Every structure is written in structure tokens, then in C-alpha cells.
Protein backbone atom coordinates (compact mmCIF):
# COMPACT_ATOMS: atom_id res chain seq x y z
CA UNK A 1 16.70 -37.61 43.08
CA UNK A 2 14.36 -36.89 40.23
CA UNK A 3 15.55 -36.68 36.68
CA UNK A 4 15.22 -32.92 36.82
CA UNK A 5 17.59 -32.72 39.78
CA UNK A 6 20.08 -35.14 38.20
CA UNK A 7 20.36 -33.16 34.98
CA UNK A 8 19.96 -29.60 36.27
CA UNK A 9 21.24 -29.42 39.86
CA UNK A 10 24.11 -27.24 38.60
CA UNK A 11 21.57 -24.46 38.06
CA UNK A 12 20.98 -24.06 41.81
CA UNK A 13 24.33 -22.36 42.61
CA UNK A 14 23.86 -20.23 39.50
CA UNK A 15 20.54 -19.03 40.96
CA UNK A 16 22.66 -17.38 43.67
CA UNK A 17 25.80 -16.44 41.73
CA UNK A 18 24.10 -14.72 38.79
CA UNK A 19 22.04 -12.30 40.93
CA UNK A 20 25.14 -11.63 43.05
CA UNK A 21 27.14 -10.73 39.94
CA UNK A 22 24.36 -8.49 38.63
CA UNK A 23 24.03 -6.69 41.99
CA UNK A 24 27.76 -6.11 42.32
CA UNK A 25 28.04 -4.73 38.80
CA UNK A 26 24.94 -2.55 38.84
CA UNK A 27 24.14 -1.18 42.32
CA UNK A 28 26.29 1.95 41.94
CA UNK A 29 24.67 2.70 38.57
CA UNK A 30 21.21 2.33 40.12
CA UNK A 31 22.21 4.62 43.00
CA UNK A 32 23.42 7.34 40.63
CA UNK A 33 20.32 7.13 38.46
CA UNK A 34 18.02 7.33 41.46
CA UNK A 35 19.83 10.41 42.75
CA UNK A 36 19.63 12.04 39.30
CA UNK A 37 15.88 11.37 39.15
CA UNK A 38 15.30 12.96 42.54
CA UNK A 39 14.68 9.77 44.52
CA UNK A 40 16.24 11.08 47.72
CA UNK A 41 14.29 11.27 50.96
CA UNK A 42 14.95 11.94 54.64
CA UNK A 43 14.95 8.81 56.77
CA UNK A 44 13.80 8.38 60.39
CA UNK A 45 17.03 10.08 61.56
CA UNK A 46 16.35 13.05 59.27
CA UNK A 47 19.29 12.11 57.04
CA UNK A 48 18.94 12.23 53.26
CA UNK A 49 19.14 8.76 51.75
CA UNK A 50 18.60 7.40 48.25
CA UNK A 51 15.18 5.74 48.08
CA UNK A 52 13.36 3.41 45.67
CA UNK A 53 16.19 0.89 46.00
CA UNK A 54 13.54 -1.74 45.41
CA UNK A 55 14.13 -1.15 41.70
CA UNK A 56 17.57 -2.68 42.19
CA UNK A 57 16.11 -5.62 44.13
CA UNK A 58 13.51 -6.25 41.44
CA UNK A 59 16.03 -5.99 38.59
CA UNK A 60 18.46 -8.34 40.36
CA UNK A 61 15.75 -10.92 41.13
CA UNK A 62 14.21 -10.77 37.66
CA UNK A 63 17.60 -11.09 35.95
CA UNK A 64 18.40 -14.13 38.08
CA UNK A 65 15.03 -15.80 37.50
CA UNK A 66 15.09 -15.19 33.76
CA UNK A 67 18.69 -16.25 33.10
CA UNK A 68 18.81 -19.36 35.28
CA UNK A 69 15.46 -20.66 34.04
CA UNK A 70 16.37 -19.74 30.48
CA UNK A 71 19.62 -21.68 30.78
CA UNK A 72 17.74 -24.65 32.20
CA UNK A 73 15.21 -24.50 29.38
CA UNK A 74 17.93 -24.32 26.70
CA UNK A 75 20.42 -26.83 28.08
CA UNK A 76 18.81 -29.08 30.69
CA UNK A 77 15.36 -29.61 29.19
CA UNK A 78 13.51 -28.21 32.19
CA UNK A 79 10.15 -26.65 31.39
CA UNK A 80 9.66 -23.35 33.28
CA UNK A 81 6.16 -21.96 33.64
CA UNK A 82 6.75 -18.95 31.41
CA UNK A 83 3.10 -17.75 31.28
CA UNK A 84 2.97 -17.52 35.09
CA UNK A 85 6.34 -15.75 35.11
CA UNK A 86 5.00 -13.27 32.54
CA UNK A 87 1.97 -12.50 34.75
CA UNK A 88 4.27 -12.06 37.73
CA UNK A 89 6.53 -9.66 35.80
CA UNK A 90 3.57 -7.62 34.60
CA UNK A 91 2.05 -7.33 38.07
CA UNK A 92 5.33 -6.59 39.83
CA UNK A 93 6.24 -3.92 37.25
CA UNK A 94 2.97 -2.07 37.92
CA UNK A 95 3.45 -2.34 41.69
CA UNK A 96 7.00 -1.00 41.33
CA UNK A 97 5.83 1.99 39.31
CA UNK A 98 3.03 2.73 41.77
CA UNK A 99 5.54 2.62 44.62
CA UNK A 100 8.01 4.78 42.67
CA UNK A 101 5.47 7.55 42.14
CA UNK A 102 4.70 7.40 45.86
CA UNK A 103 8.41 7.67 46.71
CA UNK A 104 8.74 10.79 44.55
CA UNK A 105 5.60 12.50 45.85
CA UNK A 106 4.90 14.42 49.03
CA UNK A 107 1.61 13.47 50.66
CA UNK A 108 2.15 15.71 53.65
CA UNK A 109 0.65 14.24 56.82
CA UNK A 110 -1.50 11.64 55.08
CA UNK A 111 -0.55 8.25 56.53
CA UNK A 112 -2.26 4.88 56.25
CA UNK A 113 -5.48 4.11 54.43
CA UNK A 114 -7.46 6.32 56.77
CA UNK A 115 -5.19 9.31 56.20
CA UNK A 116 -5.24 9.02 52.42
CA UNK A 117 -9.01 8.60 52.21
CA UNK A 118 -9.49 11.49 54.64
CA UNK A 119 -7.34 13.72 52.43
CA UNK A 120 -9.53 12.83 49.46
CA UNK A 121 -12.83 13.23 51.32
CA UNK A 122 -12.04 16.38 53.32
CA UNK A 123 -9.59 18.16 51.01
CA UNK A 124 -10.57 16.72 47.63
CA UNK A 125 -6.89 15.80 47.25
CA UNK A 126 -5.84 12.64 45.45
CA UNK A 127 -2.66 11.62 47.26
CA UNK A 128 0.01 9.42 45.73
CA UNK A 129 -0.80 6.87 48.43
CA UNK A 130 -4.42 6.73 47.33
CA UNK A 131 -3.35 6.40 43.69
CA UNK A 132 -1.14 3.49 44.76
CA UNK A 133 -4.05 1.93 46.65
CA UNK A 134 -6.49 2.22 43.75
CA UNK A 135 -3.93 1.23 41.12
CA UNK A 136 -2.72 -1.72 43.18
CA UNK A 137 -6.26 -2.92 43.75
CA UNK A 138 -7.10 -2.72 40.06
CA UNK A 139 -3.87 -4.51 39.12
CA UNK A 140 -4.60 -7.26 41.66
CA UNK A 141 -8.13 -7.69 40.25
CA UNK A 142 -7.05 -7.89 36.60
CA UNK A 143 -4.25 -10.31 37.41
CA UNK A 144 -6.61 -12.44 39.50
CA UNK A 145 -9.10 -12.65 36.64
CA UNK A 146 -6.30 -13.87 34.39
CA UNK A 147 -5.01 -16.63 36.69
CA UNK A 148 -8.15 -17.76 38.55
CA UNK A 149 -10.53 -20.58 37.68
CA UNK A 150 -13.76 -19.25 39.22
CA UNK A 151 -15.28 -16.18 40.87
CA UNK A 152 -14.44 -17.16 44.45
CA UNK A 153 -10.78 -17.48 43.50
CA UNK A 154 -10.93 -14.06 41.87
CA UNK A 155 -12.18 -12.50 45.12
CA UNK A 156 -9.62 -14.23 47.32
CA UNK A 157 -6.72 -13.67 44.92
CA UNK A 158 -7.58 -10.01 44.47
CA UNK A 159 -7.59 -9.37 48.21
CA UNK A 160 -4.46 -11.46 48.72
CA UNK A 161 -2.41 -9.67 46.05
CA UNK A 162 -3.65 -6.20 46.97
CA UNK A 163 -3.05 -6.50 50.72
CA UNK A 164 0.18 -8.49 50.50
CA UNK A 165 1.59 -5.79 48.22
CA UNK A 166 1.11 -3.32 51.06
CA UNK A 167 2.11 -5.77 53.82
CA UNK A 168 5.86 -5.08 53.80
CA UNK A 169 5.16 -1.36 53.64
CA UNK A 170 3.55 -1.59 57.11
CA UNK A 171 6.97 -2.48 58.53
CA UNK A 172 9.16 -0.25 56.35
CA UNK A 173 9.81 2.36 59.04
CA UNK A 174 13.38 1.45 60.01
CA UNK A 175 16.38 0.20 58.01
CA UNK A 176 16.32 -3.58 57.35
CA UNK A 177 12.94 -4.08 59.06
CA UNK A 178 11.05 -4.55 55.80
CA UNK A 179 13.60 -7.11 54.59
CA UNK A 180 13.31 -9.06 57.82
CA UNK A 181 9.51 -8.97 57.56
CA UNK A 182 9.79 -10.36 54.03
CA UNK A 183 12.12 -13.15 55.14
CA UNK A 184 9.80 -14.06 58.00
CA UNK A 185 6.82 -14.16 55.63
CA UNK A 186 8.81 -16.33 53.20
CA UNK A 187 9.79 -18.68 56.03
CA UNK A 188 6.15 -19.03 57.08
CA UNK A 189 5.21 -19.89 53.49
CA UNK A 190 7.97 -22.49 53.36
CA UNK A 191 6.77 -24.08 56.60
CA UNK A 192 3.25 -24.17 55.17
CA UNK A 193 4.35 -26.04 52.02
CA UNK A 194 7.63 -27.86 52.82
CA UNK A 195 7.09 -30.17 49.86
CA UNK A 196 8.20 -27.29 47.64
CA UNK A 197 11.78 -27.94 48.79
CA UNK A 198 11.74 -31.11 46.70
CA UNK A 199 10.95 -29.24 43.49
CA UNK A 200 13.82 -27.92 41.40
CA UNK A 201 11.72 -25.22 39.76
CA UNK A 202 10.81 -23.79 43.18
CA UNK A 203 14.50 -23.30 43.96
CA UNK A 204 15.18 -21.71 40.57
CA UNK A 205 12.39 -19.14 41.06
CA UNK A 206 12.86 -18.48 44.77
CA UNK A 207 16.65 -18.33 45.18
CA UNK A 208 17.22 -15.30 42.89
CA UNK A 209 14.54 -13.32 44.77
CA UNK A 210 15.84 -14.23 48.23
CA UNK A 211 19.43 -13.58 47.11
CA UNK A 212 18.48 -10.15 45.76
CA UNK A 213 16.89 -9.18 49.08
CA UNK A 214 19.91 -10.42 51.05
CA UNK A 215 22.33 -8.52 48.84
CA UNK A 216 20.37 -5.32 49.45
CA UNK A 217 20.56 -5.82 53.22
CA UNK A 218 24.04 -4.25 53.54
CA UNK A 219 23.01 -1.14 51.59
CA UNK A 220 19.89 -0.74 53.71
CA UNK A 221 21.65 -1.40 57.02
CA UNK A 222 24.39 1.15 56.31
CA UNK A 223 21.95 3.83 55.24
CA UNK A 224 23.24 3.94 51.66
CA UNK A 225 19.91 3.14 50.03
CA UNK A 226 16.32 2.57 51.15
CA UNK A 227 13.87 0.10 49.70
CA UNK A 228 11.22 2.79 49.49
CA UNK A 229 7.60 2.13 48.62
CA UNK A 230 8.77 0.68 45.32
CA UNK A 231 10.75 -2.03 47.10
CA UNK A 232 8.15 -2.68 49.78
CA UNK A 233 5.47 -3.03 47.09
CA UNK A 234 7.64 -5.41 45.10
CA UNK A 235 8.56 -7.69 48.00
CA UNK A 236 4.98 -7.75 49.24
CA UNK A 237 3.66 -8.59 45.79
CA UNK A 238 6.33 -11.27 45.41
CA UNK A 239 5.21 -12.89 48.65
CA UNK A 240 1.53 -12.66 47.69
CA UNK A 241 2.11 -14.12 44.24
CA UNK A 242 4.15 -16.98 45.72
CA UNK A 243 1.26 -17.72 48.07
CA UNK A 244 -1.18 -17.56 45.16
CA UNK A 245 0.66 -20.27 43.19
CA UNK A 246 1.65 -22.42 46.20
CA UNK A 247 -1.25 -22.58 48.66
CA UNK A 248 -4.69 -24.21 48.45
CA UNK A 249 -7.67 -21.87 48.32
CA UNK A 250 -8.63 -22.49 51.96
CA UNK A 251 -5.17 -21.49 53.17
CA UNK A 252 -5.24 -18.40 50.95
CA UNK A 253 -8.58 -17.38 52.47
CA UNK A 254 -7.14 -17.71 55.99
CA UNK A 255 -4.10 -15.68 54.96
CA UNK A 256 -6.37 -13.01 53.48
CA UNK A 257 -8.21 -12.73 56.79
CA UNK A 258 -4.87 -12.36 58.61
CA UNK A 259 -3.81 -9.61 56.20
CA UNK A 260 -7.08 -7.75 56.78
CA UNK A 261 -6.53 -7.93 60.56
CA UNK A 262 -2.93 -6.68 60.26
CA UNK A 263 -4.00 -3.72 58.12
CA UNK A 264 -6.79 -2.81 60.51
CA UNK A 265 -4.37 -2.99 63.45
CA UNK A 266 -1.90 -0.78 61.61
CA UNK A 267 -4.53 1.96 61.51
CA UNK A 268 -4.86 2.12 65.30
CA UNK A 269 -1.57 0.87 66.80
CA UNK A 270 2.10 1.49 66.11
CA UNK A 271 4.03 -1.61 65.13
CA UNK A 272 7.22 0.27 66.02
CA UNK A 273 6.02 0.71 69.61
CA UNK A 274 5.12 -2.97 69.84
CA UNK A 275 8.56 -3.97 68.56
CA UNK A 276 10.28 -1.58 70.99
CA UNK A 277 8.29 -2.99 73.91
CA UNK A 278 9.26 -6.64 73.30
CA UNK A 279 12.99 -7.27 73.93
CA UNK A 280 13.30 -10.21 71.53
CA UNK A 281 11.62 -8.32 68.70
CA UNK A 282 13.70 -5.25 69.45
CA UNK A 283 16.96 -7.21 69.25
CA UNK A 284 15.87 -8.84 66.02
CA UNK A 285 14.83 -5.46 64.61
CA UNK A 286 18.21 -3.88 65.47
CA UNK A 287 20.29 -6.81 64.25
CA UNK A 288 22.64 -5.79 61.44
CA UNK A 289 21.63 -2.16 61.56
CA UNK A 290 24.40 0.43 61.68
CA UNK A 291 24.00 2.96 64.48
């Protein structure tokens, strides 16, 4: 065990307990506030459900990250990367707000990139989805300029952050599906860089976020609250930012190509139909979901 583990291992359970406490104390307040602000939308069963629950996920994760790393910094002499955390908070806040405005808007029949750009070209209508696309792209570019070392990194990081922010949204068509897509993406990242498991700081940043998503699972599965575009944006950005700080540039370029392919496929095929057609994926998709 490294010195960091020996002196600060007690922070690891706190990285789970503190977000759990925050979620338990605050989820009802978030639900009431979202209802009061008009964040209610019909789900795939045509039932009205509170949306933009991703605000709760983001608040829970951020509270956990900030408090557990702050405690470690004050008492255990660990040295968190506060500048990187600040960039993450700034980017995720913008992505949340862009998703929130999309949750509260009505874009009619405009779906996917093609639908939103068609609405702008044919109807001269700037949809909330297109605003989210343009705002997310600009945010990804500015953030990439701030954290990158050279122009090639800026290009790759911009595409990675922009497309990963929309990645979870591609799957957010049924309760719990977006959360499972996020967990699968996180697992793939872990398998790509298993050495991260040996680093205490990786646990202290990752556990609050994963815990927040798991705590939201019950609300999503029971139809009490939806992630919404705000939550899908946040989880996607979280995954993209984790890849940005964890992977080598070559791996990030390969991931960017994969994201481009997935987004192009989403324009022409239905992921829901693919999932329904494959028994294993269908069982995984339905797991935990209340009928």
C-alpha cells in the first residue's frame, strides 16, 4: 500500500456514504422544485413523470467529490487536482443547463441531429435541441483549449467531449437504460486503464459519481423521476471527461471514431429495435424496471 492509501483509506467508504446521505436528504426537495418549475413530461407510456432528475445526480456526485476530497486535503494531506475539478464543474454545469432548457422546451417532431438541422433549414426554427448541440460544441471547444497541450489534442478533445455528452442521450428512451449505458461505458473505461484502481484519487473522484447514478436507479425504475436531457448530458460529459484525463491520445482518437459511428447509426436505425431483437440485451434492458 502506498502512503496515500495508508493515511487516507478511510475516505473511500465516505465517498459512498456522503453521496448516499445527500441523496436521501434531498431527493424529495429536488422533485418538488422540478415540479414547481414545470419539469414534467410524458414518458414512453404516456404517463406524466418529473424530468431533469439529472440535476439531483449531478448535485449528489459533486457534493460527494467536493467533500471527500476536501476532507482528504485538510486532514490526510492528499493533493486533489482542484484545477481539473474546476474545469469539470464548469463544463458539466453548462451541459446540465443546456439539457435543462431542452427538457423544458417542445421541439415537436424534431429528433436527432438530422431533425433539428432540418427544422432550422426548412422552417428557420432554432430548436432547443439545436441550441444544445451548438452550445455543447462550443463548451467542448473552449474546455479543450483550456486543458490541451497542442492543436491535435484540441480537435480530439473537442469531438470527444461534444459527442460523449450526447452519447447517453442516444439510449435515454426507456427507464434505467441510460444509467445502464453509463455503467457499461464506465466499465469499458476501467478495463482500458485498470491501473487506475491502484490510485486513491481515482476512487475518491469516481465513487461519488457512480454512487449518485446508482442511487437514482430506484427513482428511474419506479417511474418517479426521469434523468431527462439534463441527466443524460451530465453522465455523458462525465464519461467523456474521465476519458480525457485517463486515456492516451491514440485511444481517445479511436474512441472519437467510435462515437462518430454510433451517432451516425442513431440517425438511421433504432437502438430500441436492436435491443428488443436480441434476447440478452432485452433482458438486461428490462432488469430492475417496474412494469
